[in-house]
Protein backbone atom coordinates (compact mmCIF):
# COMPACT_ATOMS: atom_id res chain seq x y z
CA MET A 1 0.00 0.00 0.00
CA LYS A 2 2.87 2.37 0.77
CA GLY A 3 4.28 1.76 -2.69
CA VAL A 4 1.01 1.99 -4.63
CA PHE A 5 -0.18 5.18 -2.95
CA GLN A 6 3.27 6.68 -2.28
CA LEU A 7 2.49 7.49 1.35
CA HIS A 8 5.96 8.81 2.17
CA LYS A 9 5.96 11.15 -0.83
CA HIS A 10 2.61 12.61 0.27
CA GLY A 11 3.77 13.11 3.87
CA THR A 12 1.34 10.64 5.41
CA THR A 13 1.28 7.19 7.05
CA PHE A 14 -0.78 4.02 6.83
CA THR A 15 -2.41 4.76 10.20
CA LYS A 16 -3.34 8.33 9.20
CA GLU A 17 -4.92 7.12 5.97
CA VAL A 18 -6.97 4.44 7.74
CA VAL A 19 -8.21 6.93 10.35
CA ALA A 20 -9.08 9.38 7.55
CA GLY A 21 -10.95 6.61 5.72
CA LEU A 22 -12.96 5.81 8.85
CA THR A 23 -13.72 9.51 9.33
CA SER A 24 -14.83 9.85 5.71
CA PHE A 25 -17.10 6.82 5.95
CA PHE A 26 -18.90 7.90 9.11
CA SER A 27 -19.38 11.40 7.70
CA ILE A 28 -21.09 10.07 4.55
CA VAL A 29 -22.65 6.72 5.57
CA TYR A 30 -26.04 8.42 5.93
CA ILE A 31 -26.21 8.51 2.11
CA ILE A 32 -27.07 4.78 2.04
CA ALA A 33 -30.41 5.26 3.76
CA VAL A 34 -31.16 8.74 2.37
CA ASN A 35 -30.42 7.89 -1.26
CA ALA A 36 -32.30 4.58 -1.09
CA LYS A 37 -35.38 6.35 0.31
CA ILE A 38 -35.30 8.91 -2.52
CA LEU A 39 -34.83 6.17 -5.13
CA GLU A 40 -37.81 4.35 -3.61
CA ASP A 41 -39.97 7.34 -4.58
CA ALA A 42 -38.88 6.66 -8.18
CA GLY A 43 -40.12 3.06 -7.97
CA ILE A 44 -36.83 1.33 -7.15
CA PRO A 45 -37.41 -1.16 -4.29
CA LEU A 46 -35.82 0.01 -1.03
CA GLU A 47 -33.58 -3.04 -0.66
CA ALA A 48 -32.39 -2.71 -4.25
CA GLY A 49 -31.70 0.99 -3.72
CA ILE A 50 -29.58 0.22 -0.66
CA ILE A 51 -27.50 -2.37 -2.52
CA ALA A 52 -27.10 -0.12 -5.59
CA THR A 53 -25.96 2.80 -3.43
CA ILE A 54 -23.45 0.64 -1.54
CA LEU A 55 -21.94 -1.06 -4.60
CA SER A 56 -21.70 2.11 -6.69
CA SER A 57 -20.07 3.94 -3.76
CA PHE A 58 -17.57 1.09 -3.35
CA ILE A 59 -16.61 1.16 -7.05
CA GLY A 60 -16.54 4.96 -7.14
CA CYS A 61 -14.12 5.16 -4.22
CA LEU A 62 -11.83 2.53 -5.78
CA LEU A 63 -11.83 4.33 -9.14
CA VAL A 64 -10.73 7.65 -7.66
CA ALA A 65 -8.22 5.90 -5.40
CA PHE A 66 -6.35 4.04 -8.13
CA MET A 67 -6.85 6.48 -11.02
CA ALA A 68 -6.05 9.73 -9.22
CA ASN A 69 -4.61 8.67 -5.83
CA VAL A 70 -6.72 11.20 -3.94
CA PRO A 71 -8.89 10.78 -0.79
CA LEU A 72 -12.19 11.77 -2.40
CA ILE A 73 -15.55 10.21 -1.48
CA ILE A 74 -17.50 9.24 -4.61
CA VAL A 75 -21.15 8.35 -3.92
CA PRO A 76 -24.59 8.98 -5.48
CA GLY A 77 -25.04 12.70 -4.90
CA MET A 78 -27.69 14.63 -3.06
CA GLY A 79 -29.52 16.98 -5.39
CA ILE A 80 -28.93 14.95 -8.50
CA ASN A 81 -30.84 12.05 -6.89
CA ALA A 82 -33.73 14.49 -6.49
CA LEU A 83 -33.36 15.36 -10.18
CA PHE A 84 -33.52 11.63 -11.00
CA THR A 85 -36.58 10.88 -8.87
CA TYR A 86 -38.75 13.98 -8.72
CA THR A 87 -38.03 15.51 -12.14
CA ILE A 88 -36.94 12.82 -14.60
CA VAL A 89 -39.21 10.09 -13.22
CA GLY A 90 -41.85 12.17 -11.41
CA SER A 91 -42.44 15.24 -13.58
CA MET A 92 -41.28 13.95 -16.97
CA GLY A 93 -42.89 10.54 -16.50
CA LEU A 94 -39.97 8.31 -17.48
CA HIS A 95 -39.86 4.84 -15.91
CA TYR A 96 -36.90 4.41 -13.59
CA THR A 97 -35.31 1.91 -16.00
CA VAL A 98 -35.41 4.55 -18.75
CA ALA A 99 -34.02 7.12 -16.32
CA LEU A 100 -31.16 4.70 -15.54
CA ALA A 101 -30.43 4.50 -19.26
CA ALA A 102 -30.27 8.30 -19.28
CA VAL A 103 -27.77 8.10 -16.40
CA VAL A 104 -25.58 5.69 -18.39
CA LEU A 105 -25.69 7.81 -21.54
CA SER A 106 -25.11 11.07 -19.66
CA GLY A 107 -22.24 9.32 -17.87
CA ILE A 108 -20.67 8.44 -21.22
CA LEU A 109 -21.06 12.07 -22.35
CA PHE A 110 -19.54 13.20 -19.06
CA VAL A 111 -16.62 10.82 -19.69
CA ILE A 112 -16.05 12.45 -23.09
CA VAL A 113 -16.14 15.89 -21.48
CA ALA A 114 -13.84 14.88 -18.60
CA PHE A 115 -11.25 13.21 -20.83
CA THR A 116 -11.07 16.19 -23.22
CA LYS A 117 -10.83 19.97 -23.00
CA LEU A 118 -14.61 20.29 -23.20
CA SER A 119 -14.90 20.42 -19.40
CA THR A 120 -12.90 23.65 -19.34
CA ILE A 121 -14.73 25.16 -22.32
CA ILE A 122 -18.19 24.47 -20.88
CA SER A 123 -17.26 25.55 -17.37
CA ASP A 124 -15.80 28.83 -18.61
CA ALA A 125 -18.87 29.54 -20.76
CA ILE A 126 -21.39 29.44 -17.90
CA PRO A 127 -21.46 32.55 -15.66
CA ILE A 128 -20.86 32.10 -11.94
CA SER A 129 -24.32 33.43 -11.07
CA LEU A 130 -26.03 30.59 -12.99
CA LYS A 131 -23.65 27.93 -11.66
CA GLU A 132 -24.23 28.96 -8.06
CA SER A 133 -27.98 29.47 -8.48
CA ILE A 134 -28.34 25.83 -9.58
CA SER A 135 -26.80 24.67 -6.29
CA VAL A 136 -28.95 27.07 -4.28
CA GLY A 137 -32.14 26.12 -6.13
CA ILE A 138 -31.48 22.41 -5.66
CA GLY A 139 -30.80 23.11 -1.97
CA VAL A 140 -34.18 24.81 -1.55
CA PHE A 141 -35.79 21.92 -3.43
CA ILE A 142 -34.15 19.30 -1.18
CA ALA A 143 -35.22 21.22 1.94
CA PHE A 144 -38.78 21.39 0.60
CA ILE A 145 -38.78 17.61 0.04
CA GLY A 146 -37.53 17.15 3.61
CA LEU A 147 -40.28 19.37 4.99
CA HIS A 148 -42.85 17.42 3.00
CA LYS A 149 -41.53 14.01 4.12
CA SER A 150 -41.62 15.19 7.74
CA GLY A 151 -45.27 16.26 7.47
CA ILE A 152 -44.35 19.80 8.52
CA VAL A 153 -45.46 21.10 5.12
CA VAL A 154 -48.44 19.51 3.35
CA GLY A 155 -50.46 20.11 0.20
CA ASN A 156 -53.44 22.43 0.45
CA GLU A 157 -56.19 23.07 -2.11
CA THR A 158 -56.64 26.70 -1.06
CA ASN A 159 -53.08 27.84 -0.36
CA PHE A 160 -51.24 25.20 -2.42
CA VAL A 161 -49.09 24.35 0.63
CA ALA A 162 -49.74 24.73 4.35
CA LEU A 163 -48.44 23.80 7.79
CA GLY A 164 -49.14 20.17 8.66
CA ASP A 165 -50.86 18.88 11.78
CA ILE A 166 -48.25 19.73 14.42
CA ALA A 167 -49.99 17.44 16.92
CA SER A 168 -49.56 14.34 14.73
CA PRO A 169 -46.93 11.74 15.74
CA ILE A 170 -45.07 12.14 12.43
CA VAL A 171 -44.65 15.92 12.79
CA LEU A 172 -43.78 15.74 16.48
CA ALA A 173 -41.16 13.07 15.82
CA SER A 174 -39.78 15.13 12.92
CA PHE A 175 -39.44 18.26 15.10
CA ILE A 176 -37.62 16.30 17.81
CA ASN A 177 -35.33 14.68 15.25
CA LEU A 178 -34.61 18.05 13.63
CA VAL A 179 -33.54 19.49 16.99
CA ILE A 180 -31.33 16.45 17.65
CA THR A 181 -29.75 16.62 14.19
CA LEU A 182 -29.11 20.37 14.45
CA PHE A 183 -27.46 19.93 17.85
CA LEU A 184 -25.14 17.17 16.61
CA PHE A 185 -24.36 19.07 13.41
CA LEU A 186 -23.58 22.39 15.10
CA LYS A 187 -21.46 20.67 17.76
CA LYS A 188 -19.53 19.02 14.89
CA VAL A 189 -19.91 15.59 16.44
CA PRO A 190 -18.07 13.03 14.24
CA GLY A 191 -20.63 11.03 12.27
CA HIS A 192 -23.38 13.48 13.23
CA PHE A 193 -25.79 12.47 10.46
CA LEU A 194 -25.32 8.76 11.15
CA ILE A 195 -25.96 9.29 14.87
CA SER A 196 -29.02 11.42 14.09
CA ILE A 197 -30.43 8.63 11.88
CA ILE A 198 -29.99 6.10 14.71
CA LEU A 199 -31.51 8.39 17.35
CA GLY A 200 -34.22 9.49 14.91
CA THR A 201 -35.22 5.88 14.33
CA ILE A 202 -35.47 5.34 18.10
CA VAL A 203 -37.63 8.48 18.43
CA ALA A 204 -39.87 7.21 15.63
CA TYR A 205 -40.18 3.89 17.45
CA LEU A 206 -41.28 5.67 20.64
CA PHE A 207 -44.01 7.39 18.60
CA GLY A 208 -45.13 4.06 17.15
CA LEU A 209 -43.82 4.80 13.65
CA VAL A 210 -41.31 1.92 13.52
CA GLN A 211 -41.75 -1.73 14.43
CA PHE A 212 -38.44 -3.41 15.27
CA SER A 213 -40.25 -6.74 15.41
CA SER A 214 -40.74 -6.53 11.63
CA MET A 215 -37.00 -6.43 10.96
CA ASP A 216 -35.81 -9.04 8.45
CA SER A 217 -34.00 -12.03 9.87
CA GLY A 218 -31.70 -12.36 6.85
CA PHE A 219 -28.82 -9.96 6.33
CA ILE A 220 -28.18 -9.85 2.61
CA SER A 221 -30.79 -10.58 -0.05
CA PHE A 222 -30.35 -9.76 -3.73
CA HIS A 223 -33.85 -10.91 -4.67
CA GLU A 224 -35.19 -7.44 -5.53
CA TYR A 225 -31.86 -6.13 -6.76
CA LYS A 226 -31.59 -8.61 -9.64
CA ASP A 227 -34.45 -6.75 -11.36
CA VAL A 228 -32.63 -3.40 -11.02
CA PHE A 229 -29.03 -4.43 -11.76
CA PHE A 230 -28.26 -3.68 -15.45
CA SER A 231 -31.96 -2.94 -16.02
CA ALA A 232 -31.42 0.29 -18.00
CA ASP A 233 -33.98 0.53 -20.82
CA TYR A 234 -32.64 2.24 -23.98
CA SER A 235 -35.79 1.82 -26.08
CA SER A 236 -36.79 5.50 -25.66
CA MET A 237 -33.36 7.03 -26.21
CA LEU A 238 -34.46 8.99 -29.30
CA SER A 239 -37.47 10.56 -27.56
CA THR A 240 -37.43 14.21 -26.52
CA PRO A 241 -37.95 13.54 -22.77
CA PHE A 242 -35.02 11.09 -22.78
CA LEU A 243 -32.71 13.53 -24.54
CA ILE A 244 -33.74 16.31 -22.16
CA ALA A 245 -33.06 13.99 -19.23
CA CYS A 246 -29.56 13.26 -20.54
CA PHE A 247 -28.89 16.93 -21.14
CA SER A 248 -30.04 17.80 -17.63
CA PHE A 249 -27.87 15.13 -16.02
CA VAL A 250 -24.80 16.18 -17.99
CA LEU A 251 -25.35 19.84 -17.11
CA VAL A 252 -25.60 19.20 -13.36
CA LEU A 253 -22.81 16.59 -13.35
CA ILE A 254 -20.33 18.87 -15.09
CA PHE A 255 -21.02 21.99 -13.02
CA GLU A 256 -21.25 20.23 -9.65
CA ASN A 257 -18.24 17.96 -10.06
CA ILE A 258 -15.95 20.52 -11.65
CA GLY A 259 -16.64 22.82 -8.71
CA LEU A 260 -16.31 20.14 -6.03
CA VAL A 261 -13.19 18.48 -7.45
CA HIS A 262 -11.48 21.83 -7.97
CA ALA A 263 -12.23 22.91 -4.40
CA GLN A 264 -11.06 19.62 -2.89
CA VAL A 265 -8.07 18.69 -5.05
CA ASN A 266 -6.77 22.16 -5.87
CA GLY A 267 -7.94 23.97 -2.76
CA MET A 268 -7.64 21.50 0.13
CA LEU A 269 -5.02 19.03 -1.16
CA LYS A 270 -3.00 21.62 -3.09
CA ALA A 271 -2.55 19.06 -5.87
CA PRO A 272 -3.78 20.68 -9.13
CA GLU A 273 -1.93 18.04 -11.18
CA LYS A 274 -4.46 15.47 -9.92
CA ASN A 275 -7.53 17.52 -10.82
CA LYS A 276 -8.10 16.07 -14.31
CA LYS A 277 -7.59 12.45 -13.25
CA SER A 278 -10.01 12.96 -10.37
CA LEU A 279 -12.69 14.32 -12.72
CA GLU A 280 -12.11 11.40 -15.08
CA ALA A 281 -12.63 8.92 -12.22
CA VAL A 282 -15.87 10.62 -11.18
CA SER A 283 -17.16 10.54 -14.77
CA LEU A 284 -16.53 6.78 -15.04
CA SER A 285 -18.28 6.22 -11.70
CA THR A 286 -21.39 7.88 -13.14
CA VAL A 287 -21.64 5.20 -15.82
CA VAL A 288 -21.28 2.56 -13.09
CA CYS A 289 -24.19 4.13 -11.18
CA GLY A 290 -26.53 3.83 -14.16
CA LEU A 291 -25.57 0.19 -14.69
CA PHE A 292 -25.84 -0.69 -10.99
CA GLY A 293 -29.26 0.96 -10.59
CA THR A 294 -28.87 4.34 -8.89
CA SER A 295 -28.72 8.05 -9.63
CA PRO A 296 -25.37 9.60 -10.70
CA SER A 297 -22.41 9.94 -8.37
CA VAL A 298 -20.49 13.05 -7.34
CA SER A 299 -17.46 13.94 -5.27
CA THR A 300 -19.19 14.88 -2.02
CA VAL A 301 -18.55 17.81 0.30
CA GLU A 302 -17.99 15.28 3.11
CA THR A 303 -14.60 14.60 1.50
CA ALA A 304 -13.41 17.56 3.57
CA ALA A 305 -13.84 15.45 6.73
CA GLY A 306 -11.35 12.84 5.54
CA ILE A 307 -8.84 15.42 4.31
CA SER A 308 -9.12 17.30 7.61
CA ALA A 309 -8.41 14.00 9.42
CA GLY A 310 -5.12 13.66 7.52
CA GLY A 311 -6.12 11.81 4.36
CA ARG A 312 -3.78 12.61 1.48
CA THR A 313 -3.88 9.61 -0.85
CA GLY A 314 -6.19 7.09 -2.46
CA LEU A 315 -5.71 4.73 0.49
CA THR A 316 -8.25 6.86 2.38
CA ALA A 317 -10.78 6.29 -0.41
CA VAL A 318 -10.01 2.53 -0.44
CA VAL A 319 -10.75 2.26 3.29
CA THR A 320 -13.99 4.22 2.83
CA GLY A 321 -15.00 2.03 -0.12
CA PHE A 322 -14.51 -1.25 1.73
CA LEU A 323 -16.44 0.07 4.73
CA PHE A 324 -19.33 0.74 2.34
CA LEU A 325 -19.10 -2.87 1.19
CA LEU A 326 -19.19 -4.11 4.80
CA SER A 327 -22.35 -2.11 5.43
CA LEU A 328 -24.24 -4.68 3.32
CA PHE A 329 -24.32 -6.81 6.47
CA PHE A 330 -26.35 -4.10 8.24
CA MET A 331 -29.05 -3.91 5.57
CA PRO A 332 -31.94 -4.98 7.88
CA PHE A 333 -31.17 -2.04 10.16
CA ILE A 334 -30.87 0.39 7.23
CA LYS A 335 -34.27 -0.72 5.88
CA LEU A 336 -35.89 0.19 9.20
CA VAL A 337 -34.93 3.88 8.95
CA PRO A 338 -38.17 5.93 8.64
CA GLU A 339 -38.65 9.12 6.65
CA VAL A 340 -38.92 11.19 9.85
CA ALA A 341 -35.27 10.28 10.55
CA ILE A 342 -34.21 11.22 7.01
CA ALA A 343 -36.18 14.47 6.64
CA PRO A 344 -34.04 16.58 9.07
CA ILE A 345 -30.90 15.68 7.12
CA LEU A 346 -32.52 16.81 3.86
CA ILE A 347 -33.52 20.11 5.46
CA ILE A 348 -30.01 20.77 6.82
CA ILE A 349 -28.29 19.80 3.55
CA GLY A 350 -30.64 22.19 1.76
CA ALA A 351 -29.63 24.96 4.16
CA MET A 352 -25.94 24.19 3.59
CA MET A 353 -26.35 24.49 -0.18
CA LEU A 354 -27.93 27.91 0.30
CA GLY A 355 -24.49 29.28 1.19
CA ASN A 356 -23.52 29.38 -2.50
CA ILE A 357 -25.77 32.40 -2.93
CA VAL A 358 -22.99 34.71 -1.65
CA HIS A 359 -21.10 34.18 -4.92
CA ILE A 360 -23.85 35.83 -6.97
CA ASP A 361 -23.22 39.47 -7.93
CA PHE A 362 -26.26 41.28 -6.48
CA SER A 363 -25.11 44.63 -7.84
CA ASP A 364 -25.93 43.56 -11.42
CA PHE A 365 -29.62 42.85 -12.05
CA THR A 366 -28.80 41.03 -15.31
CA GLU A 367 -26.98 38.50 -13.14
CA VAL A 368 -29.44 38.49 -10.24
CA PHE A 369 -32.71 37.97 -12.10
CA PRO A 370 -31.74 34.82 -14.07
CA ALA A 371 -30.25 33.39 -10.85
CA PHE A 372 -33.44 34.30 -9.00
CA LEU A 373 -35.52 32.47 -11.64
CA VAL A 374 -33.43 29.30 -11.25
CA ILE A 375 -33.64 29.40 -7.45
CA ILE A 376 -37.37 30.11 -7.24
CA MET A 377 -38.58 28.01 -10.18
CA ILE A 378 -36.85 24.74 -9.22
CA PRO A 379 -38.97 24.22 -6.07
CA LEU A 380 -42.12 25.93 -7.39
CA THR A 381 -42.24 23.83 -10.58
CA TYR A 382 -41.01 20.76 -8.66
CA SER A 383 -38.55 20.34 -11.52
CA ILE A 384 -34.82 21.02 -11.52
CA VAL A 385 -34.75 20.98 -15.33
CA ASP A 386 -37.52 23.56 -15.71
CA GLY A 387 -36.00 25.83 -13.10
CA ILE A 388 -32.58 25.78 -14.78
CA ALA A 389 -34.21 26.36 -18.17
CA PHE A 390 -35.92 29.59 -17.06
CA GLY A 391 -32.63 31.03 -15.82
CA PHE A 392 -30.58 30.02 -18.85
CA ILE A 393 -33.14 31.47 -21.27
CA ALA A 394 -33.46 34.73 -19.33
CA TYR A 395 -29.71 35.34 -19.02
CA PRO A 396 -28.90 36.12 -22.69
CA LEU A 397 -32.13 38.09 -23.08
CA LEU A 398 -31.21 40.44 -20.23
CA LYS A 399 -27.68 40.85 -21.56
CA ILE A 400 -29.07 41.72 -25.01
CA PHE A 401 -31.56 44.19 -23.51
CA THR A 402 -28.72 45.99 -21.73
CA LYS A 403 -26.32 45.70 -24.70
CA LYS A 404 -23.82 43.60 -22.74
CA TYR A 405 -23.14 41.36 -25.70
CA LYS A 406 -19.52 40.71 -24.76
CA GLN A 407 -20.63 38.82 -21.66
CA LEU A 408 -22.30 36.16 -23.83
CA SER A 409 -20.59 33.14 -25.38
CA ILE A 410 -21.59 30.79 -28.18
CA PRO A 411 -21.81 27.73 -25.85
CA LEU A 412 -24.03 29.64 -23.41
CA CYS A 413 -26.37 30.86 -26.16
CA THR A 414 -26.51 27.34 -27.59
CA ILE A 415 -27.58 25.95 -24.21
CA ALA A 416 -30.24 28.68 -23.91
CA LEU A 417 -31.61 27.81 -27.36
CA LEU A 418 -31.74 24.12 -26.44
CA PHE A 419 -33.78 24.92 -23.35
CA LEU A 420 -36.08 27.16 -25.43
CA ALA A 421 -36.56 24.30 -27.91
CA TYR A 422 -37.37 22.04 -24.95
CA PHE A 423 -40.21 24.36 -23.83
CA ILE A 424 -41.52 24.64 -27.40
CA LEU A 425 -41.55 20.84 -27.79
CA ILE A 426 -43.36 20.11 -24.52
CA ALA A 427 -45.88 22.84 -25.35
């Protein structure tokens, strides 16, 4: 291991890397339950979603470890799993097998972008205000989903949405779990989200929302997963909704991963020479996700936990990956986790993503208004694609109105025209 990952050269030790891998795992292990619950809303059986999340995370961590030798955590990402479930499957009406095919195809396109100079060209073409507004809008969307799952916010025929029944067991349990999760998060307790899921499940049990007696006796069963593994359906790949789904995935994957990888590899590790290889590894892991039956992967923000604990090489990612694989033996416990234990995490993650709003230039209305449209339209239309489309179409229009032509680029205008064509087609 010392030779493969060049521990001495990177100023680290075997022990430090293992500790960093443990830290990384416990900071991100919540994704197994959270991602599986979101995939379940798309029609993927819970057990299959758990297995798909675990296996794709394992492969993703190994890819980035051996291809780039960096301590990144590669797992199905928050935000893009909401795009998969609530927009591509929910709003656009694609079956989850067709959506998985879109993940595979978008992953291949992402691979082409990552392995060429296209990643730089596309990234440079999109203004910061639109990039950051996508993250903020998805954050608000995730928080809204969390509030809905907790019962705190419910549908209402008169006001569209309203406050739920605060005396109901679900809402009371959600409030208690939110307080617990906030306390652990703000106190920076290691593994805070994992601990909150465990305590949240216990709270739900006390309110009669979980029955431990119904827990499966078997530990690992691939019965449901065999229908999801390599189930991607490519029969609709020439249809407009499928092409829009691919375009949406590619757009989010490129922007999110370029930003995350740059911040982690260039910023935290101070290793810009590893940036391209890291992006290439993430792009390949996306294809794996589609084949294994889950939404696309990203380099997560929790990577910072492992780096802060001393992780400097791919050995950290290897340790994290194998811990994911071991978590298969705890599947019965993961399946017990109720939505009231997941909802607080969604709300807090949404709040964390809101921080990107500070990078938007509020002194220029031609930057603010398109960003505002993205942020507000993603949750209000319940569609990440539609929200992004409004912002990207508005941006060049406002620049033309104010004669700021030099701030526009051919790639940006092309993307805007594609989104306009999308609205015309669905109309």
